[in-house]
Amino acid sequence: MSCFPMHQKTFIVTNMTHEENMRATGSKTLGFSARNLLISEHCGTHSDGVWEYKSTGPTIDEMPLSYFWGSAVCLDVSVVRYPDYITPDVLRRALAGSGQEIRRGDIVLLHTGHHKRCFGTDSFQTNYTGLNAAAAEWLAEQGVVNIGVDAPAIDLTPDDTEFSAHFICGKYNISNTENLVNLDSLIDKRFLYVGLPLKIRAGSGSPIRAIALLDE
């Protein structure tokens, strides 16, 4: 699992094996095994609490669950590659070509193709496109509550040191979801998206298990 460089790497260690537990309990028939996790709130596929990028914003446990599950569409913006930005015109063209519409309260996922192209390589954390400020604001003004991407961030992070898309999410108090996969299976479709965060007290974000439910 690739983790954004500024965040804690993930460590998984055995707490107790089945055999160790049987010796501790004296049981002759059954042992319990468990492992310990040391993880970032932003490891793997995860959603951000607004508080991460806005000190007065809600933490992940304070945000309505409607930000993390509901009706969603996936737009194909894979024509854009690093170092170019995803702009409002790119989004409008992708939406027009999708045959879908963006409704208030929607979750919008953006297929950039970055995960398919670069996961497991050195460029995964460096050479990915992202939304410019105008594109992020265009989505926010449509009423989108969660912007998801198949890349490490919704910003063009290697170059955009202002983190423009995150800034806009803070301005509109909306979430974003990063490190999604398999978005190529959802292009131009409307579906039920579910990516519920853990209710981490005062959390800046949370790992999620993202799924899409389609009528077909």
Protein backbone atom coordinates (compact mmCIF):
# COMPACT_ATOMS: atom_id res chain seq x y z
CA MET A 1 0.00 0.00 0.00
CA SER A 2 1.38 3.38 -1.00
CA CYS A 3 1.09 6.11 1.63
CA PHE A 4 1.44 9.86 1.08
CA PRO A 5 4.99 10.78 2.19
CA MET A 6 3.92 13.13 4.99
CA HIS A 7 1.83 10.42 6.70
CA GLN A 8 2.74 7.52 8.97
CA LYS A 9 3.56 4.29 7.18
CA THR A 10 1.37 1.32 8.08
CA PHE A 11 2.65 -1.33 10.48
CA ILE A 12 0.82 -4.58 11.27
CA VAL A 13 2.17 -6.71 14.11
CA THR A 14 0.89 -9.86 15.74
CA ASN A 15 -0.61 -9.28 19.16
CA MET A 16 -1.13 -12.95 19.97
CA THR A 17 -1.20 -16.17 17.99
CA HIS A 18 -3.80 -18.91 18.45
CA GLU A 19 -1.20 -21.06 20.25
CA GLU A 20 -0.07 -18.23 22.54
CA ASN A 21 -3.66 -17.51 23.47
CA MET A 22 -4.37 -21.16 24.26
CA ARG A 23 -1.35 -21.24 26.56
CA ALA A 24 -2.50 -18.00 28.26
CA THR A 25 -6.09 -19.19 28.79
CA GLY A 26 -5.36 -22.84 29.40
CA SER A 27 -7.85 -23.83 26.73
CA LYS A 28 -7.28 -27.16 25.02
CA THR A 29 -9.77 -26.56 22.18
CA LEU A 30 -9.78 -22.93 21.07
CA GLY A 31 -7.33 -20.08 20.67
CA PHE A 32 -7.97 -16.46 19.69
CA SER A 33 -5.58 -14.57 17.46
CA ALA A 34 -5.38 -10.81 16.87
CA ARG A 35 -3.05 -8.25 15.36
CA ASN A 36 -2.22 -4.64 16.19
CA LEU A 37 -2.33 -1.82 13.63
CA LEU A 38 -0.33 1.39 13.54
CA ILE A 39 -1.90 3.44 10.76
CA SER A 40 -2.43 7.00 9.64
CA GLU A 41 -5.95 8.40 9.40
CA HIS A 42 -5.00 8.92 5.75
CA CYS A 43 -3.58 5.53 4.84
CA GLY A 44 -4.74 3.71 1.73
CA THR A 45 -8.20 4.54 0.41
CA HIS A 46 -9.48 7.21 2.79
CA SER A 47 -11.74 10.21 3.17
CA ASP A 48 -10.74 13.54 4.66
CA GLY A 49 -12.45 15.36 7.47
CA VAL A 50 -12.74 19.05 6.66
CA TRP A 51 -10.72 19.81 9.80
CA GLU A 52 -7.61 18.37 8.12
CA TYR A 53 -7.35 21.40 5.85
CA LYS A 54 -9.52 23.93 7.72
CA SER A 55 -8.87 24.41 11.42
CA THR A 56 -12.45 25.60 12.04
CA GLY A 57 -14.04 22.82 10.00
CA PRO A 58 -15.74 19.64 11.26
CA THR A 59 -13.69 16.59 12.15
CA ILE A 60 -14.51 13.26 10.52
CA ASP A 61 -16.80 12.19 13.38
CA GLU A 62 -18.78 15.42 13.13
CA MET A 63 -19.52 15.18 9.41
CA PRO A 64 -22.88 13.85 8.20
CA LEU A 65 -22.77 10.32 6.78
CA SER A 66 -24.44 11.71 3.65
CA TYR A 67 -20.96 12.90 2.67
CA PHE A 68 -19.78 9.31 2.50
CA TRP A 69 -22.61 7.34 0.94
CA GLY A 70 -25.22 8.16 -1.66
CA SER A 71 -25.84 8.67 -5.33
CA ALA A 72 -22.66 9.07 -7.34
CA VAL A 73 -21.33 9.47 -10.87
CA CYS A 74 -17.90 8.74 -12.30
CA LEU A 75 -16.41 11.04 -14.93
CA ASP A 76 -13.54 10.07 -17.21
CA VAL A 77 -10.81 12.72 -17.11
CA SER A 78 -8.00 10.38 -18.11
CA VAL A 79 -7.15 12.56 -21.13
CA VAL A 80 -5.37 14.83 -18.65
CA ARG A 81 -1.89 13.78 -17.56
CA TYR A 82 0.69 15.30 -15.25
CA PRO A 83 1.77 18.12 -15.28
CA ASP A 84 -1.53 19.43 -16.66
CA TYR A 85 -4.43 20.33 -14.40
CA ILE A 86 -8.03 19.15 -14.56
CA THR A 87 -9.93 22.33 -15.40
CA PRO A 88 -13.64 23.25 -15.44
CA ASP A 89 -13.70 22.76 -19.23
CA VAL A 90 -12.35 19.22 -18.81
CA LEU A 91 -15.08 18.47 -16.26
CA ARG A 92 -17.83 19.96 -18.40
CA ARG A 93 -16.74 17.95 -21.44
CA ALA A 94 -16.50 14.76 -19.39
CA LEU A 95 -19.95 15.35 -17.93
CA ALA A 96 -21.49 16.09 -21.33
CA GLY A 97 -19.96 12.94 -22.77
CA SER A 98 -21.13 10.82 -19.86
CA GLY A 99 -24.85 11.27 -20.48
CA GLN A 100 -25.21 11.97 -16.76
CA GLU A 101 -25.93 15.05 -14.69
CA ILE A 102 -24.58 16.28 -11.39
CA ARG A 103 -27.25 16.69 -8.74
CA ARG A 104 -26.96 18.52 -5.44
CA GLY A 105 -25.71 16.12 -2.80
CA ASP A 106 -23.91 13.91 -5.32
CA ILE A 107 -20.57 12.22 -4.84
CA VAL A 108 -18.38 12.62 -7.94
CA LEU A 109 -15.53 10.24 -8.68
CA LEU A 110 -12.87 11.18 -11.24
CA HIS A 111 -11.18 8.46 -13.26
CA THR A 112 -7.70 9.76 -14.07
CA GLY A 113 -6.22 6.34 -14.84
CA HIS A 114 -3.27 7.11 -12.57
CA HIS A 115 -3.64 4.04 -10.38
CA LYS A 116 -3.79 1.67 -13.36
CA ARG A 117 -0.78 3.32 -14.97
CA CYS A 118 1.53 3.98 -12.06
CA PHE A 119 0.70 2.03 -8.92
CA GLY A 120 3.78 0.22 -7.66
CA THR A 121 6.18 2.59 -9.41
CA ASP A 122 8.21 5.52 -8.08
CA SER A 123 6.02 7.97 -10.01
CA PHE A 124 2.81 6.96 -8.22
CA GLN A 125 3.32 9.56 -5.50
CA THR A 126 4.76 12.24 -7.78
CA ASN A 127 3.39 12.33 -11.33
CA TYR A 128 -0.38 12.66 -11.11
CA THR A 129 -2.81 15.27 -12.29
CA GLY A 130 -5.24 17.12 -10.04
CA LEU A 131 -7.97 19.74 -9.94
CA ASN A 132 -7.12 23.38 -10.20
CA ALA A 133 -8.99 25.77 -7.91
CA ALA A 134 -11.56 26.69 -10.55
CA ALA A 135 -12.38 23.04 -11.27
CA ALA A 136 -12.78 22.19 -7.60
CA GLU A 137 -15.01 25.24 -7.13
CA TRP A 138 -17.10 24.28 -10.16
CA LEU A 139 -17.81 20.89 -8.58
CA ALA A 140 -18.56 22.47 -5.21
CA GLU A 141 -20.98 24.91 -6.80
CA GLN A 142 -22.88 22.00 -8.36
CA GLY A 143 -23.56 20.80 -4.81
CA VAL A 144 -21.05 17.93 -4.77
CA VAL A 145 -20.29 16.77 -1.20
CA ASN A 146 -17.37 14.41 -1.87
CA ILE A 147 -14.81 14.41 -4.69
CA GLY A 148 -13.01 11.09 -5.22
CA VAL A 149 -9.93 10.24 -7.30
CA ASP A 150 -7.81 7.22 -8.20
CA ALA A 151 -4.63 9.05 -7.20
CA PRO A 152 -2.88 10.04 -3.96
CA ALA A 153 -4.57 13.47 -3.83
CA ILE A 154 -7.18 15.62 -5.55
CA ASP A 155 -4.57 18.37 -6.00
CA LEU A 156 -1.75 18.35 -8.47
CA THR A 157 0.26 18.06 -5.27
CA PRO A 158 3.82 17.86 -6.61
CA ASP A 159 3.48 21.35 -8.11
CA ASP A 160 0.50 22.98 -6.39
CA THR A 161 1.94 23.95 -3.02
CA GLU A 162 -1.23 25.94 -2.28
CA PHE A 163 -3.23 22.67 -2.37
CA SER A 164 -5.96 24.48 -4.26
CA ALA A 165 -8.54 21.69 -4.42
CA HIS A 166 -8.27 20.99 -0.70
CA PHE A 167 -8.58 24.73 -0.05
CA ILE A 168 -11.85 24.78 -1.98
CA CYS A 169 -13.11 21.74 -0.09
CA GLY A 170 -12.44 23.67 3.09
CA LYS A 171 -14.23 26.73 1.74
CA TYR A 172 -17.37 24.67 1.04
CA ASN A 173 -16.98 22.24 3.98
CA ILE A 174 -16.91 19.17 1.75
CA SER A 175 -14.86 15.98 1.79
CA ASN A 176 -12.60 14.29 -0.70
CA THR A 177 -11.62 10.66 -1.11
CA GLU A 178 -8.22 9.53 -2.35
CA ASN A 179 -6.54 6.33 -3.54
CA LEU A 180 -9.67 4.80 -5.04
CA VAL A 181 -9.26 1.92 -7.50
CA ASN A 182 -11.19 0.27 -10.35
CA LEU A 183 -12.88 3.49 -11.38
CA ASP A 184 -12.58 2.38 -15.00
CA SER A 185 -15.50 0.03 -14.25
CA LEU A 186 -17.73 2.97 -13.30
CA ILE A 187 -17.05 5.49 -16.07
CA ASP A 188 -20.17 7.40 -17.17
CA LYS A 189 -22.41 5.49 -14.76
CA ARG A 190 -24.63 6.50 -11.87
CA PHE A 191 -24.47 4.18 -8.88
CA LEU A 192 -24.82 3.98 -5.12
CA TYR A 193 -21.48 4.76 -3.53
CA VAL A 194 -20.61 3.63 0.00
CA GLY A 195 -17.34 4.63 1.70
CA LEU A 196 -18.09 5.01 5.40
CA PRO A 197 -15.34 6.35 7.67
CA LEU A 198 -14.55 5.08 11.13
CA LYS A 199 -15.99 7.37 13.79
CA ILE A 200 -12.59 8.54 14.99
CA ARG A 201 -12.96 11.10 17.76
CA ALA A 202 -11.67 14.46 16.50
CA GLY A 203 -10.31 12.66 13.44
CA SER A 204 -8.72 14.43 10.49
CA GLY A 205 -9.81 11.58 8.22
CA SER A 206 -10.35 7.85 8.11
CA PRO A 207 -9.48 4.79 6.03
CA ILE A 208 -12.57 3.43 4.25
CA ARG A 209 -13.73 0.39 2.29
CA ALA A 210 -15.27 1.92 -0.83
CA ILE A 211 -17.86 0.02 -2.84
CA ALA A 212 -20.18 0.86 -5.71
CA LEU A 213 -23.60 -0.77 -6.11
CA LEU A 214 -25.04 -0.74 -9.63
CA ASP A 215 -28.54 -1.64 -10.74
CA GLU A 216 -27.16 -3.96 -13.39
